[in-house]
Amino acid sequence: EKGQTALSFEVSEALLETKERLNEILGD
């Protein structure tokens, strides 16, 4: 909402441990 136009982040173990929540985290 503040100008970011690409989804960029480091893929961490914490993120992959909750990969079933990816839909919730990323949304649309």
Full PDB file with SEQRES, HELIX, SHEET, SSBOND, CRYST1, ORIGX, SCALE, CONECT and MASTER records, all heavy atoms in Angstrom:
SEQRES   1 A   28  GLU LYS GLY GLN THR ALA LEU SER PHE GLU VAL SER GLU          
SEQRES   2 A   28  ALA LEU LEU GLU THR LYS GLU ARG LEU ASN GLU ILE LEU          
SEQRES   3 A   28  GLY ASP                                                      
HELIX    1 AA1 GLU A   13  GLU A   17  1                                   5    
HELIX    2 AA2 LYS A   19  ARG A   21  5                                   3    
HELIX    3 AA3 LEU A   22  LEU A   26  1                                   5    
CRYST1    1.000    1.000    1.000  90.00  90.00  90.00 P 1           1          
ORIGX1      1.000000  0.000000  0.000000        0.00000                         
ORIGX2      0.000000  1.000000  0.000000        0.00000                         
ORIGX3      0.000000  0.000000  1.000000        0.00000                         
SCALE1      1.000000  0.000000  0.000000        0.00000                         
SCALE2      0.000000  1.000000  0.000000        0.00000                         
SCALE3      0.000000  0.000000  1.000000        0.00000                         
ATOM      1  N   GLU A   1       0.822  -1.210   0.000  1.00  0.00           N  
ATOM      2  CA  GLU A   1       0.000   0.000   0.000  1.00  0.00           C  
ATOM      3  C   GLU A   1       0.858   1.263   0.000  1.00  0.00           C  
ATOM      4  O   GLU A   1       0.343   2.366  -0.183  1.00  0.00           O  
ATOM      5  CB  GLU A   1      -0.917   0.009   1.232  1.00  0.00           C  
ATOM      6  CG  GLU A   1      -1.962  -1.102   1.243  1.00  0.00           C  
ATOM      7  CD  GLU A   1      -2.798  -1.101   2.512  1.00  0.00           C  
ATOM      8  OE1 GLU A   1      -2.520  -0.245   3.390  1.00  0.00           O  
ATOM      9  OE2 GLU A   1      -3.702  -1.934   2.625  1.00  0.00           O  
ATOM     10  N   LYS A   2       2.175   1.080   0.210  1.00  0.00           N  
ATOM     11  CA  LYS A   2       3.069   2.233   0.312  1.00  0.00           C  
ATOM     12  C   LYS A   2       4.123   2.273  -0.794  1.00  0.00           C  
ATOM     13  O   LYS A   2       5.171   2.884  -0.632  1.00  0.00           O  
ATOM     14  CB  LYS A   2       3.756   2.223   1.680  1.00  0.00           C  
ATOM     15  CG  LYS A   2       2.771   2.387   2.838  1.00  0.00           C  
ATOM     16  CD  LYS A   2       3.483   2.366   4.174  1.00  0.00           C  
ATOM     17  CE  LYS A   2       2.494   2.584   5.317  1.00  0.00           C  
ATOM     18  NZ  LYS A   2       3.158   2.539   6.640  1.00  0.00           N  
ATOM     19  N   GLY A   3       3.844   1.579  -1.884  1.00  0.00           N  
ATOM     20  CA  GLY A   3       4.747   1.682  -3.031  1.00  0.00           C  
ATOM     21  C   GLY A   3       5.461   0.412  -3.411  1.00  0.00           C  
ATOM     22  O   GLY A   3       6.083   0.353  -4.481  1.00  0.00           O  
ATOM     23  N   GLN A   4       5.438  -0.624  -2.575  1.00  0.00           N  
ATOM     24  CA  GLN A   4       6.087  -1.892  -2.914  1.00  0.00           C  
ATOM     25  C   GLN A   4       5.304  -2.556  -4.046  1.00  0.00           C  
ATOM     26  O   GLN A   4       4.074  -2.661  -4.001  1.00  0.00           O  
ATOM     27  CB  GLN A   4       6.097  -2.819  -1.692  1.00  0.00           C  
ATOM     28  CG  GLN A   4       6.782  -4.148  -1.923  1.00  0.00           C  
ATOM     29  CD  GLN A   4       8.150  -4.226  -1.267  1.00  0.00           C  
ATOM     30  OE1 GLN A   4       8.622  -3.258  -0.685  1.00  0.00           O  
ATOM     31  NE2 GLN A   4       8.790  -5.363  -1.376  1.00  0.00           N  
ATOM     32  N   THR A   5       6.007  -3.011  -5.082  1.00  0.00           N  
ATOM     33  CA  THR A   5       5.315  -3.617  -6.225  1.00  0.00           C  
ATOM     34  C   THR A   5       5.796  -5.030  -6.527  1.00  0.00           C  
ATOM     35  O   THR A   5       5.479  -5.585  -7.576  1.00  0.00           O  
ATOM     36  CB  THR A   5       5.474  -2.739  -7.482  1.00  0.00           C  
ATOM     37  OG1 THR A   5       6.867  -2.533  -7.749  1.00  0.00           O  
ATOM     38  CG2 THR A   5       4.784  -1.406  -7.311  1.00  0.00           C  
ATOM     39  N   ALA A   6       6.596  -5.618  -5.632  1.00  0.00           N  
ATOM     40  CA  ALA A   6       7.004  -7.025  -5.758  1.00  0.00           C  
ATOM     41  C   ALA A   6       7.103  -7.618  -4.364  1.00  0.00           C  
ATOM     42  O   ALA A   6       7.399  -6.911  -3.394  1.00  0.00           O  
ATOM     43  CB  ALA A   6       8.337  -7.142  -6.488  1.00  0.00           C  
ATOM     44  N   LEU A   7       6.852  -8.916  -4.255  1.00  0.00           N  
ATOM     45  CA  LEU A   7       6.896  -9.607  -2.964  1.00  0.00           C  
ATOM     46  C   LEU A   7       8.308 -10.135  -2.749  1.00  0.00           C  
ATOM     47  O   LEU A   7       8.734 -11.076  -3.419  1.00  0.00           O  
ATOM     48  CB  LEU A   7       5.887 -10.760  -2.953  1.00  0.00           C  
ATOM     49  CG  LEU A   7       4.455 -10.402  -3.382  1.00  0.00           C  
ATOM     50  CD1 LEU A   7       3.568 -11.634  -3.355  1.00  0.00           C  
ATOM     51  CD2 LEU A   7       3.888  -9.297  -2.502  1.00  0.00           C  
ATOM     52  N   SER A   8       9.041  -9.492  -1.862  1.00  0.00           N  
ATOM     53  CA  SER A   8      10.451  -9.826  -1.671  1.00  0.00           C  
ATOM     54  C   SER A   8      10.765 -10.008  -0.196  1.00  0.00           C  
ATOM     55  O   SER A   8      10.443  -9.137   0.626  1.00  0.00           O  
ATOM     56  CB  SER A   8      11.337  -8.714  -2.260  1.00  0.00           C  
ATOM     57  OG  SER A   8      12.692  -9.074  -2.209  1.00  0.00           O  
ATOM     58  N   PHE A   9      11.389 -11.128   0.141  1.00  0.00           N  
ATOM     59  CA  PHE A   9      11.755 -11.436   1.523  1.00  0.00           C  
ATOM     60  C   PHE A   9      12.701 -12.627   1.507  1.00  0.00           C  
ATOM     61  O   PHE A   9      12.828 -13.318   0.487  1.00  0.00           O  
ATOM     62  CB  PHE A   9      10.507 -11.764   2.372  1.00  0.00           C  
ATOM     63  CG  PHE A   9       9.573 -12.756   1.723  1.00  0.00           C  
ATOM     64  CD1 PHE A   9       9.762 -14.124   1.860  1.00  0.00           C  
ATOM     65  CD2 PHE A   9       8.495 -12.300   0.962  1.00  0.00           C  
ATOM     66  CE1 PHE A   9       8.906 -15.033   1.241  1.00  0.00           C  
ATOM     67  CE2 PHE A   9       7.632 -13.208   0.340  1.00  0.00           C  
ATOM     68  CZ  PHE A   9       7.840 -14.578   0.488  1.00  0.00           C  
ATOM     69  N   GLU A  10      13.391 -12.837   2.622  1.00  0.00           N  
ATOM     70  CA  GLU A  10      14.228 -14.029   2.744  1.00  0.00           C  
ATOM     71  C   GLU A  10      13.358 -15.193   3.194  1.00  0.00           C  
ATOM     72  O   GLU A  10      12.526 -15.043   4.096  1.00  0.00           O  
ATOM     73  CB  GLU A  10      15.363 -13.786   3.740  1.00  0.00           C  
ATOM     74  CG  GLU A  10      16.439 -12.856   3.210  1.00  0.00           C  
ATOM     75  CD  GLU A  10      17.598 -12.671   4.190  1.00  0.00           C  
ATOM     76  OE1 GLU A  10      17.533 -13.265   5.289  1.00  0.00           O  
ATOM     77  OE2 GLU A  10      18.528 -11.927   3.858  1.00  0.00           O  
ATOM     78  N   VAL A  11      13.561 -16.340   2.553  1.00  0.00           N  
ATOM     79  CA  VAL A  11      12.797 -17.528   2.928  1.00  0.00           C  
ATOM     80  C   VAL A  11      13.479 -18.151   4.143  1.00  0.00           C  
ATOM     81  O   VAL A  11      14.623 -18.582   4.073  1.00  0.00           O  
ATOM     82  CB  VAL A  11      12.741 -18.545   1.775  1.00  0.00           C  
ATOM     83  CG1 VAL A  11      11.903 -19.760   2.180  1.00  0.00           C  
ATOM     84  CG2 VAL A  11      12.172 -17.891   0.521  1.00  0.00           C  
ATOM     85  N   SER A  12      12.774 -18.172   5.258  1.00  0.00           N  
ATOM     86  CA  SER A  12      13.349 -18.669   6.507  1.00  0.00           C  
ATOM     87  C   SER A  12      12.764 -20.025   6.877  1.00  0.00           C  
ATOM     88  O   SER A  12      11.719 -20.438   6.354  1.00  0.00           O  
ATOM     89  CB  SER A  12      13.071 -17.676   7.647  1.00  0.00           C  
ATOM     90  OG  SER A  12      11.669 -17.605   7.884  1.00  0.00           O  
ATOM     91  N   GLU A  13      13.428 -20.686   7.799  1.00  0.00           N  
ATOM     92  CA  GLU A  13      12.916 -21.955   8.302  1.00  0.00           C  
ATOM     93  C   GLU A  13      11.565 -21.747   8.991  1.00  0.00           C  
ATOM     94  O   GLU A  13      10.669 -22.584   8.881  1.00  0.00           O  
ATOM     95  CB  GLU A  13      13.916 -22.585   9.262  1.00  0.00           C  
ATOM     96  CG  GLU A  13      15.174 -23.109   8.583  1.00  0.00           C  
ATOM     97  CD  GLU A  13      16.099 -23.830   9.555  1.00  0.00           C  
ATOM     98  OE1 GLU A  13      15.765 -23.878  10.756  1.00  0.00           O  
ATOM     99  OE2 GLU A  13      17.135 -24.342   9.103  1.00  0.00           O  
ATOM    100  N   ALA A  14      11.430 -20.622   9.700  1.00  0.00           N  
ATOM    101  CA  ALA A  14      10.170 -20.331  10.392  1.00  0.00           C  
ATOM    102  C   ALA A  14       9.017 -20.251   9.404  1.00  0.00           C  
ATOM    103  O   ALA A  14       7.904 -20.723   9.675  1.00  0.00           O  
ATOM    104  CB  ALA A  14      10.295 -19.030  11.169  1.00  0.00           C  
ATOM    105  N   LEU A  15       9.269 -19.671   8.241  1.00  0.00           N  
ATOM    106  CA  LEU A  15       8.222 -19.563   7.231  1.00  0.00           C  
ATOM    107  C   LEU A  15       7.850 -20.938   6.692  1.00  0.00           C  
ATOM    108  O   LEU A  15       6.672 -21.261   6.520  1.00  0.00           O  
ATOM    109  CB  LEU A  15       8.685 -18.647   6.094  1.00  0.00           C  
ATOM    110  CG  LEU A  15       7.725 -18.485   4.910  1.00  0.00           C  
ATOM    111  CD1 LEU A  15       6.406 -17.872   5.370  1.00  0.00           C  
ATOM    112  CD2 LEU A  15       8.362 -17.631   3.821  1.00  0.00           C  
ATOM    113  N   LEU A  16       8.865 -21.760   6.433  1.00  0.00           N  
ATOM    114  CA  LEU A  16       8.601 -23.082   5.868  1.00  0.00           C  
ATOM    115  C   LEU A  16       7.959 -24.020   6.882  1.00  0.00           C  
ATOM    116  O   LEU A  16       7.250 -24.956   6.510  1.00  0.00           O  
ATOM    117  CB  LEU A  16       9.903 -23.688   5.333  1.00  0.00           C  
ATOM    118  CG  LEU A  16      10.508 -22.941   4.142  1.00  0.00           C  
ATOM    119  CD1 LEU A  16      11.794 -23.613   3.685  1.00  0.00           C  
ATOM    120  CD2 LEU A  16       9.524 -22.860   2.979  1.00  0.00           C  
ATOM    121  N   GLU A  17       8.221 -23.787   8.159  1.00  0.00           N  
ATOM    122  CA  GLU A  17       7.577 -24.606   9.192  1.00  0.00           C  
ATOM    123  C   GLU A  17       6.079 -24.350   9.251  1.00  0.00           C  
ATOM    124  O   GLU A  17       5.317 -25.169   9.762  1.00  0.00           O  
ATOM    125  CB  GLU A  17       8.209 -24.311  10.556  1.00  0.00           C  
ATOM    126  CG  GLU A  17       9.602 -24.926  10.717  1.00  0.00           C  
ATOM    127  CD  GLU A  17      10.312 -24.440  11.967  1.00  0.00           C  
ATOM    128  OE1 GLU A  17       9.719 -23.612  12.705  1.00  0.00           O  
ATOM    129  OE2 GLU A  17      11.460 -24.876  12.205  1.00  0.00           O  
ATOM    130  N   THR A  18       5.670 -23.197   8.742  1.00  0.00           N  
ATOM    131  CA  THR A  18       4.232 -22.863   8.739  1.00  0.00           C  
ATOM    132  C   THR A  18       3.724 -22.788   7.300  1.00  0.00           C  
ATOM    133  O   THR A  18       2.843 -21.988   6.982  1.00  0.00           O  
ATOM    134  CB  THR A  18       3.991 -21.519   9.444  1.00  0.00           C  
ATOM    135  OG1 THR A  18       4.777 -20.504   8.784  1.00  0.00           O  
ATOM    136  CG2 THR A  18       4.374 -21.576  10.905  1.00  0.00           C  
ATOM    137  N   LYS A  19       4.274 -23.634   6.417  1.00  0.00           N  
ATOM    138  CA  LYS A  19       3.934 -23.535   5.000  1.00  0.00           C  
ATOM    139  C   LYS A  19       2.460 -23.800   4.714  1.00  0.00           C  
ATOM    140  O   LYS A  19       1.927 -23.351   3.696  1.00  0.00           O  
ATOM    141  CB  LYS A  19       4.809 -24.477   4.172  1.00  0.00           C  
ATOM    142  CG  LYS A  19       4.778 -25.932   4.599  1.00  0.00           C  
ATOM    143  CD  LYS A  19       5.858 -26.716   3.870  1.00  0.00           C  
ATOM    144  CE  LYS A  19       5.918 -28.171   4.361  1.00  0.00           C  
ATOM    145  NZ  LYS A  19       7.045 -28.887   3.775  1.00  0.00           N  
ATOM    146  N   GLU A  20       1.791 -24.512   5.649  1.00  0.00           N  
ATOM    147  CA  GLU A  20       0.357 -24.719   5.458  1.00  0.00           C  
ATOM    148  C   GLU A  20      -0.411 -23.402   5.604  1.00  0.00           C  
ATOM    149  O   GLU A  20      -1.574 -23.299   5.222  1.00  0.00           O  
ATOM    150  CB  GLU A  20      -0.172 -25.757   6.449  1.00  0.00           C  
ATOM    151  CG  GLU A  20      -0.119 -25.346   7.908  1.00  0.00           C  
ATOM    152  CD  GLU A  20       1.263 -25.547   8.540  1.00  0.00           C  
ATOM    153  OE1 GLU A  20       2.152 -26.080   7.844  1.00  0.00           O  
ATOM    154  OE2 GLU A  20       1.439 -25.164   9.706  1.00  0.00           O  
ATOM    155  N   ARG A  21       0.268 -22.356   6.157  1.00  0.00           N  
ATOM    156  CA  ARG A  21      -0.370 -21.056   6.328  1.00  0.00           C  
ATOM    157  C   ARG A  21      -0.032 -20.093   5.187  1.00  0.00           C  
ATOM    158  O   ARG A  21      -0.374 -18.915   5.254  1.00  0.00           O  
ATOM    159  CB  ARG A  21       0.070 -20.427   7.651  1.00  0.00           C  
ATOM    160  CG  ARG A  21      -0.476 -21.109   8.907  1.00  0.00           C  
ATOM    161  CD  ARG A  21      -0.001 -20.363  10.150  1.00  0.00           C  
ATOM    162  NE  ARG A  21      -0.410 -18.951  10.123  1.00  0.00           N  
ATOM    163  CZ  ARG A  21       0.144 -18.006  10.894  1.00  0.00           C  
ATOM    164  NH1 ARG A  21       1.125 -18.320  11.731  1.00  0.00           N  
ATOM    165  NH2 ARG A  21      -0.293 -16.751  10.831  1.00  0.00           N  
ATOM    166  N   LEU A  22       0.630 -20.586   4.142  1.00  0.00           N  
ATOM    167  CA  LEU A  22       1.062 -19.686   3.066  1.00  0.00           C  
ATOM    168  C   LEU A  22      -0.103 -18.914   2.463  1.00  0.00           C  
ATOM    169  O   LEU A  22       0.011 -17.726   2.164  1.00  0.00           O  
ATOM    170  CB  LEU A  22       1.790 -20.472   1.972  1.00  0.00           C  
ATOM    171  CG  LEU A  22       3.284 -20.707   2.178  1.00  0.00           C  
ATOM    172  CD1 LEU A  22       3.866 -21.477   1.019  1.00  0.00           C  
ATOM    173  CD2 LEU A  22       4.022 -19.384   2.352  1.00  0.00           C  
ATOM    174  N   ASN A  23      -1.226 -19.598   2.261  1.00  0.00           N  
ATOM    175  CA  ASN A  23      -2.390 -18.904   1.711  1.00  0.00           C  
ATOM    176  C   ASN A  23      -2.826 -17.749   2.599  1.00  0.00           C  
ATOM    177  O   ASN A  23      -3.167 -16.658   2.136  1.00  0.00           O  
ATOM    178  CB  ASN A  23      -3.550 -19.891   1.538  1.00  0.00           C  
ATOM    179  CG  ASN A  23      -3.637 -20.398   0.103  1.00  0.00           C  
ATOM    180  OD1 ASN A  23      -2.921 -19.925  -0.765  1.00  0.00           O  
ATOM    181  ND2 ASN A  23      -4.503 -21.376  -0.121  1.00  0.00           N  
ATOM    182  N   GLU A  24      -2.800 -18.008   3.908  1.00  0.00           N  
ATOM    183  CA  GLU A  24      -3.195 -16.973   4.865  1.00  0.00           C  
ATOM    184  C   GLU A  24      -2.190 -15.824   4.873  1.00  0.00           C  
ATOM    185  O   GLU A  24      -2.562 -14.646   4.905  1.00  0.00           O  
ATOM    186  CB  GLU A  24      -3.296 -17.594   6.264  1.00  0.00           C  
ATOM    187  CG  GLU A  24      -3.571 -16.584   7.361  1.00  0.00           C  
ATOM    188  CD  GLU A  24      -3.193 -17.110   8.742  1.00  0.00           C  
ATOM    189  OE1 GLU A  24      -3.128 -18.340   8.913  1.00  0.00           O  
ATOM    190  OE2 GLU A  24      -2.932 -16.282   9.629  1.00  0.00           O  
ATOM    191  N   ILE A  25      -0.895 -16.169   4.845  1.00  0.00           N  
ATOM    192  CA  ILE A  25       0.161 -15.154   4.916  1.00  0.00           C  
ATOM    193  C   ILE A  25       0.178 -14.283   3.665  1.00  0.00           C  
ATOM    194  O   ILE A  25       0.252 -13.051   3.729  1.00  0.00           O  
ATOM    195  CB  ILE A  25       1.536 -15.818   5.132  1.00  0.00           C  
ATOM    196  CG1 ILE A  25       1.574 -16.515   6.491  1.00  0.00           C  
ATOM    197  CG2 ILE A  25       2.658 -14.790   5.018  1.00  0.00           C  
ATOM    198  CD1 ILE A  25       2.732 -17.467   6.652  1.00  0.00           C  
ATOM    199  N   LEU A  26       0.091 -14.931   2.505  1.00  0.00           N  
ATOM    200  CA  LEU A  26       0.217 -14.203   1.244  1.00  0.00           C  
ATOM    201  C   LEU A  26      -1.099 -13.624   0.766  1.00  0.00           C  
ATOM    202  O   LEU A  26      -1.118 -12.606   0.056  1.00  0.00           O  
ATOM    203  CB  LEU A  26       0.794 -15.138   0.172  1.00  0.00           C  
ATOM    204  CG  LEU A  26       2.198 -15.681   0.442  1.00  0.00           C  
ATOM    205  CD1 LEU A  26       2.584 -16.707  -0.614  1.00  0.00           C  
ATOM    206  CD2 LEU A  26       3.221 -14.563   0.486  1.00  0.00           C  
ATOM    207  N   GLY A  27      -2.195 -14.269   1.137  1.00  0.00           N  
ATOM    208  CA  GLY A  27      -3.487 -13.795   0.678  1.00  0.00           C  
ATOM    209  C   GLY A  27      -3.579 -13.823  -0.834  1.00  0.00           C  
ATOM    210  O   GLY A  27      -3.101 -14.751  -1.492  1.00  0.00           O  
ATOM    211  N   ASP A  28      -4.176 -12.769  -1.392  1.00  0.00           N  
ATOM    212  CA  ASP A  28      -4.301 -12.702  -2.854  1.00  0.00           C  
ATOM    213  C   ASP A  28      -3.150 -11.934  -3.501  1.00  0.00           C  
ATOM    214  O   ASP A  28      -3.185 -11.651  -4.702  1.00  0.00           O  
ATOM    215  CB  ASP A  28      -5.635 -12.056  -3.236  1.00  0.00           C  
ATOM    216  CG  ASP A  28      -5.736 -10.605  -2.743  1.00  0.00           C  
ATOM    217  OD1 ASP A  28      -4.851 -10.176  -1.958  1.00  0.00           O  
ATOM    218  OD2 ASP A  28      -6.688  -9.912  -3.130  1.00  0.00           O  
TER     219      ASP A  28                                                      
MASTER        0    0    0    3    0    0    0    6  218    1    0    3          
END                                                                             
